[in-house]
Amino acid sequence: MKNKSKLGLHIDKINRIISRKIDAAVIRSIDGKITLSQAYVIDFICDNSSRDIFQKDIEKEFDLKRSSVSLMLNNMEKNDLIKRVPVAEDARLNKIILTEKSIELSKKISDAIDSGENQLAKDITPEEIEVFYKVLGKIRNNLKD
């Protein structure tokens, strides 16, 4: 039996709507100072400030290829948004830390994302959100290579 629900199409449509709303708010908050991707990376590092963040963490979080993340981090370092600090135990690893410049931007970025997230979750119960995450996990597993 053929599935006619077109789940993928509906996910794509809602993704575009979410991207337009939240991304637009983030873009307004950063005022053209950095790229949208860089803003999300700064927010990710801030949200995980209790642990060391490495390039592989960013690759995994954003589902990006190593080369793409490497290029973005190089640009962020050139623009004084991050510093790469070698790890004593493994000279091949560099933890990524935010500079003062990106820390200043992080509050605006976080506020813009939080505002969009609050709008998304409005009128949705915590139980419904939990079910939603379970379904997303199943979809993700169905699409694994």
C-alpha atoms as a PDB file:
ATOM      1  CA  MET A   1       0.000   0.000   0.000  1.00  0.00           C
ATOM      2  CA  LYS A   2       1.337   3.399  -0.966  1.00  0.00           C
ATOM      3  CA  ASN A   3       1.670   6.050   1.762  1.00  0.00           C
ATOM      4  CA  LYS A   4      -0.236   9.159   0.662  1.00  0.00           C
ATOM      5  CA  SER A   5       0.393  11.320   3.749  1.00  0.00           C
ATOM      6  CA  LYS A   6       3.395  13.058   2.143  1.00  0.00           C
ATOM      7  CA  LEU A   7       5.042  13.438   5.534  1.00  0.00           C
ATOM      8  CA  GLY A   8       8.291  14.629   3.951  1.00  0.00           C
ATOM      9  CA  LEU A   9       6.511  17.413   2.087  1.00  0.00           C
ATOM     10  CA  HIS A  10       4.807  18.619   5.272  1.00  0.00           C
ATOM     11  CA  ILE A  11       8.088  18.525   7.197  1.00  0.00           C
ATOM     12  CA  ASP A  12       9.765  20.510   4.416  1.00  0.00           C
ATOM     13  CA  LYS A  13       6.984  23.117   4.425  1.00  0.00           C
ATOM     14  CA  ILE A  14       7.091  23.631   8.189  1.00  0.00           C
ATOM     15  CA  ASN A  15      10.890  23.744   8.050  1.00  0.00           C
ATOM     16  CA  ARG A  16      10.761  26.606   5.554  1.00  0.00           C
ATOM     17  CA  ILE A  17       8.252  28.513   7.680  1.00  0.00           C
ATOM     18  CA  ILE A  18      10.345  28.020  10.823  1.00  0.00           C
ATOM     19  CA  SER A  19      13.510  29.028   8.994  1.00  0.00           C
ATOM     20  CA  ARG A  20      11.921  32.195   7.674  1.00  0.00           C
ATOM     21  CA  LYS A  21      10.621  33.249  11.095  1.00  0.00           C
ATOM     22  CA  ILE A  22      13.484  32.275  13.409  1.00  0.00           C
ATOM     23  CA  ASP A  23      16.291  32.920  10.945  1.00  0.00           C
ATOM     24  CA  ALA A  24      14.869  36.369  10.187  1.00  0.00           C
ATOM     25  CA  ALA A  25      14.815  37.200  13.905  1.00  0.00           C
ATOM     26  CA  VAL A  26      18.404  35.994  14.327  1.00  0.00           C
ATOM     27  CA  ILE A  27      19.541  37.955  11.265  1.00  0.00           C
ATOM     28  CA  ARG A  28      17.957  41.122  12.701  1.00  0.00           C
ATOM     29  CA  SER A  29      19.712  40.486  16.028  1.00  0.00           C
ATOM     30  CA  ILE A  30      23.185  40.149  14.487  1.00  0.00           C
ATOM     31  CA  ASP A  31      22.697  43.124  12.177  1.00  0.00           C
ATOM     32  CA  GLY A  32      24.855  41.708   9.361  1.00  0.00           C
ATOM     33  CA  LYS A  33      27.927  41.395  11.569  1.00  0.00           C
ATOM     34  CA  ILE A  34      28.239  37.620  11.077  1.00  0.00           C
ATOM     35  CA  THR A  35      26.585  34.860   9.044  1.00  0.00           C
ATOM     36  CA  LEU A  36      23.505  33.017  10.195  1.00  0.00           C
ATOM     37  CA  SER A  37      25.469  29.751  10.502  1.00  0.00           C
ATOM     38  CA  GLN A  38      28.066  31.475  12.646  1.00  0.00           C
ATOM     39  CA  ALA A  39      25.302  32.811  14.891  1.00  0.00           C
ATOM     40  CA  TYR A  40      23.926  29.314  15.451  1.00  0.00           C
ATOM     41  CA  VAL A  41      27.428  27.988  16.208  1.00  0.00           C
ATOM     42  CA  ILE A  42      27.966  30.763  18.763  1.00  0.00           C
ATOM     43  CA  ASP A  43      24.631  29.894  20.365  1.00  0.00           C
ATOM     44  CA  PHE A  44      25.547  26.186  20.445  1.00  0.00           C
ATOM     45  CA  ILE A  45      28.892  26.885  22.122  1.00  0.00           C
ATOM     46  CA  CYS A  46      27.210  29.167  24.677  1.00  0.00           C
ATOM     47  CA  ASP A  47      24.557  26.562  25.448  1.00  0.00           C
ATOM     48  CA  ASN A  48      27.305  24.017  26.087  1.00  0.00           C
ATOM     49  CA  SER A  49      29.678  26.234  28.049  1.00  0.00           C
ATOM     50  CA  SER A  50      29.946  23.643  30.822  1.00  0.00           C
ATOM     51  CA  ARG A  51      31.986  21.357  28.565  1.00  0.00           C
ATOM     52  CA  ASP A  52      34.733  21.614  25.982  1.00  0.00           C
ATOM     53  CA  ILE A  53      33.505  21.961  22.400  1.00  0.00           C
ATOM     54  CA  PHE A  54      35.489  20.597  19.475  1.00  0.00           C
ATOM     55  CA  GLN A  55      35.001  20.748  15.717  1.00  0.00           C
ATOM     56  CA  LYS A  56      33.502  17.243  15.697  1.00  0.00           C
ATOM     57  CA  ASP A  57      30.794  18.416  18.124  1.00  0.00           C
ATOM     58  CA  ILE A  58      29.741  21.142  15.691  1.00  0.00           C
ATOM     59  CA  GLU A  59      29.800  18.695  12.771  1.00  0.00           C
ATOM     60  CA  LYS A  60      27.501  16.339  14.686  1.00  0.00           C
ATOM     61  CA  GLU A  61      25.159  19.013  16.082  1.00  0.00           C
ATOM     62  CA  PHE A  62      24.515  20.662  12.711  1.00  0.00           C
ATOM     63  CA  ASP A  63      24.937  17.533  10.567  1.00  0.00           C
ATOM     64  CA  LEU A  64      27.641  19.209   8.478  1.00  0.00           C
ATOM     65  CA  LYS A  65      30.688  17.829   6.713  1.00  0.00           C
ATOM     66  CA  ARG A  66      34.125  18.297   8.235  1.00  0.00           C
ATOM     67  CA  SER A  67      35.306  20.516   5.381  1.00  0.00           C
ATOM     68  CA  SER A  68      32.300  22.859   5.733  1.00  0.00           C
ATOM     69  CA  VAL A  69      32.787  23.239   9.479  1.00  0.00           C
ATOM     70  CA  SER A  70      36.532  23.718   9.065  1.00  0.00           C
ATOM     71  CA  LEU A  71      35.970  26.552   6.577  1.00  0.00           C
ATOM     72  CA  MET A  72      33.377  28.207   8.819  1.00  0.00           C
ATOM     73  CA  LEU A  73      35.632  27.963  11.890  1.00  0.00           C
ATOM     74  CA  ASN A  74      38.565  29.385   9.910  1.00  0.00           C
ATOM     75  CA  ASN A  75      36.419  32.381   8.959  1.00  0.00           C
ATOM     76  CA  MET A  76      35.165  32.769  12.511  1.00  0.00           C
ATOM     77  CA  GLU A  77      38.740  32.738  13.792  1.00  0.00           C
ATOM     78  CA  LYS A  78      39.815  35.325  11.201  1.00  0.00           C
ATOM     79  CA  ASN A  79      36.916  37.544  12.307  1.00  0.00           C
ATOM     80  CA  ASP A  80      37.861  37.209  15.989  1.00  0.00           C
ATOM     81  CA  LEU A  81      34.720  35.266  16.919  1.00  0.00           C
ATOM     82  CA  ILE A  82      36.440  32.132  18.215  1.00  0.00           C
ATOM     83  CA  LYS A  83      39.837  30.884  19.318  1.00  0.00           C
ATOM     84  CA  ARG A  84      41.121  27.357  18.932  1.00  0.00           C
ATOM     85  CA  VAL A  85      43.038  26.242  21.979  1.00  0.00           C
ATOM     86  CA  PRO A  86      45.155  23.055  21.904  1.00  0.00           C
ATOM     87  CA  VAL A  87      44.259  20.382  24.424  1.00  0.00           C
ATOM     88  CA  ALA A  88      47.153  19.254  26.631  1.00  0.00           C
ATOM     89  CA  GLU A  89      46.240  15.545  26.449  1.00  0.00           C
ATOM     90  CA  ASP A  90      46.018  15.446  22.641  1.00  0.00           C
ATOM     91  CA  ALA A  91      47.913  17.903  20.459  1.00  0.00           C
ATOM     92  CA  ARG A  92      45.649  17.048  17.501  1.00  0.00           C
ATOM     93  CA  LEU A  93      42.586  18.419  19.291  1.00  0.00           C
ATOM     94  CA  ASN A  94      41.673  22.081  19.611  1.00  0.00           C
ATOM     95  CA  LYS A  95      38.812  23.157  21.810  1.00  0.00           C
ATOM     96  CA  ILE A  96      36.796  26.047  20.472  1.00  0.00           C
ATOM     97  CA  ILE A  97      36.207  29.000  22.735  1.00  0.00           C
ATOM     98  CA  LEU A  98      34.310  32.208  22.139  1.00  0.00           C
ATOM     99  CA  THR A  99      36.007  35.589  22.103  1.00  0.00           C
ATOM    100  CA  GLU A 100      34.646  38.662  23.862  1.00  0.00           C
ATOM    101  CA  LYS A 101      33.267  39.839  20.524  1.00  0.00           C
ATOM    102  CA  SER A 102      31.112  36.722  20.067  1.00  0.00           C
ATOM    103  CA  ILE A 103      30.124  36.611  23.734  1.00  0.00           C
ATOM    104  CA  GLU A 104      28.683  40.109  23.319  1.00  0.00           C
ATOM    105  CA  LEU A 105      26.672  38.941  20.287  1.00  0.00           C
ATOM    106  CA  SER A 106      25.541  35.736  21.997  1.00  0.00           C
ATOM    107  CA  LYS A 107      22.902  37.395  24.199  1.00  0.00           C
ATOM    108  CA  LYS A 108      21.161  38.963  21.201  1.00  0.00           C
ATOM    109  CA  ILE A 109      21.349  35.684  19.276  1.00  0.00           C
ATOM    110  CA  SER A 110      20.012  33.674  22.211  1.00  0.00           C
ATOM    111  CA  ASP A 111      17.140  36.112  22.796  1.00  0.00           C
ATOM    112  CA  ALA A 112      16.126  35.939  19.113  1.00  0.00           C
ATOM    113  CA  ILE A 113      16.213  32.130  19.085  1.00  0.00           C
ATOM    114  CA  ASP A 114      14.349  31.877  22.401  1.00  0.00           C
ATOM    115  CA  SER A 115      11.639  34.207  21.136  1.00  0.00           C
ATOM    116  CA  GLY A 116      11.139  32.059  18.035  1.00  0.00           C
ATOM    117  CA  GLU A 117      11.181  28.851  20.065  1.00  0.00           C
ATOM    118  CA  ASN A 118       8.571  30.263  22.447  1.00  0.00           C
ATOM    119  CA  GLN A 119       6.357  31.127  19.500  1.00  0.00           C
ATOM    120  CA  LEU A 120       6.771  27.575  18.134  1.00  0.00           C
ATOM    121  CA  ALA A 121       5.836  25.952  21.444  1.00  0.00           C
ATOM    122  CA  LYS A 122       2.890  28.234  22.205  1.00  0.00           C
ATOM    123  CA  ASP A 123      -0.274  26.217  22.981  1.00  0.00           C
ATOM    124  CA  ILE A 124       1.652  22.898  22.910  1.00  0.00           C
ATOM    125  CA  THR A 125       1.817  20.912  26.122  1.00  0.00           C
ATOM    126  CA  PRO A 126       5.084  19.423  27.447  1.00  0.00           C
ATOM    127  CA  GLU A 127       3.583  15.967  26.842  1.00  0.00           C
ATOM    128  CA  GLU A 128       2.872  16.807  23.195  1.00  0.00           C
ATOM    129  CA  ILE A 129       6.422  18.096  22.782  1.00  0.00           C
ATOM    130  CA  GLU A 130       7.762  14.854  24.268  1.00  0.00           C
ATOM    131  CA  VAL A 131       5.707  12.800  21.775  1.00  0.00           C
ATOM    132  CA  PHE A 132       6.898  15.077  18.961  1.00  0.00           C
ATOM    133  CA  TYR A 133      10.539  14.424  19.875  1.00  0.00           C
ATOM    134  CA  LYS A 134       9.882  10.672  19.959  1.00  0.00           C
ATOM    135  CA  VAL A 135       8.373  10.827  16.476  1.00  0.00           C
ATOM    136  CA  LEU A 136      11.277  12.956  15.198  1.00  0.00           C
ATOM    137  CA  GLY A 137      13.701  10.378  16.593  1.00  0.00           C
ATOM    138  CA  LYS A 138      11.880   7.599  14.750  1.00  0.00           C
ATOM    139  CA  ILE A 139      11.913   9.582  11.497  1.00  0.00           C
ATOM    140  CA  ARG A 140      15.636  10.252  11.934  1.00  0.00           C
ATOM    141  CA  ASN A 141      16.278   6.541  12.517  1.00  0.00           C
ATOM    142  CA  ASN A 142      14.248   5.639   9.418  1.00  0.00           C
ATOM    143  CA  LEU A 143      16.496   7.884   7.328  1.00  0.00           C
ATOM    144  CA  LYS A 144      19.857   6.681   8.642  1.00  0.00           C
ATOM    145  CA  ASP A 145      22.192   5.426   5.958  1.00  0.00           C
END
